[in-house]
Every structure is written in C-alpha cells, then in structure tokens.
C-alpha cells in the first residue's frame, strides 16, 4: 500500500538553472548583449535570478580610441524586460559553474578591460555561450552587432538551445 502511494506522488522536479541570451538594439544604454540566469543550483539549492552584461565603466568617445575601464554589470529587471530574448540553455551544475567562472574572470580582469574591437559585450556573451557548451564563431563582422551575433550562435546550435524564457519563467515562442 505504501509503495502504491509513493508512485502516485509527483516526482520532485530536478533543480536546474536556465541561461537566456539577450540583445538590445543600439542606443544610449549599454551593454547591448547580456545573459539572464534563473533557477536553482542542484547541488546546493541556491536560487539564481540575475543578469550579467559587460560594458565600459564610463561611456565616452574614449571607447572609440582604444581600451577603457570595463565592468561586469548586473542588469535590472526593467533592462531585461525590454530586451530581445534569443534562446535559452538549461545548465547542469558544472556548466553553471563554468559560466560563473567566466563572469568572475571578466569581473576581475586587469584594467583597462573594455575594448570595442576585442573585449566588448558581444565577446563577453560569446565566451559565456562557449562556457555552456555552445559552438561559437567570433566573426569580426558580427562583433559589434549583438542581435546578429546571437542569431548566428543560435543557428549554429539549433539542437542545443531552447525557446527563450519569458518574464514569468515560461518559454516564449522562438525568436529569430
């Protein structure tokens, strides 16, 4: 009887973290490419609900001339809400930790760390995509085009990506 009751109970959902890749159209706000993370780390039960991007510490014409001080920025819910969600990847714990190691490496990089041509938000998101197991080509023509870059990453990884998570944690219809 006891075993019969156990089979009727729903199984606990596995803990998992999902990373969604975002872009914003060019404008006055940076970064233009970033990720959001939502879920629970299986091994620790830690709840994750944050978003990371990489940007220059100060937005000025100096960005066009060479390297400037950069920072990993935690994005606000409003910033995330007004972005283009491209795709989501479900992360086992080891991939979550690999992604966070990349975030920390960029956060602790020697300054000046932001360079429009070699270390911008698109490069940051590309390295995060690699950390979660996606194939990424750093095509020089796309490194200043966050939306186009993420469309290319998605196209090269169709079997490994999911529709993007919506604001409520549910999936949206697939974005181009």
Foldseek 3Di string as FASTA:
>chain_A
DVVVVVVVDDDDDAWWKKKWWWAAPDDDDDDGIKIWIATAQRVPRDTGTWIWFKAAPDDDCVLVVWFFQMAIDIDDLVVVQRIGTAWMFIAHNQLVVLLVVLNVCQHPPDPSQDHQQPHHRQVSVQSNCVSRPFDADPPSVCSNPNVVRSVVSCVRPVVGTHAGAHSVRHGDPHDD
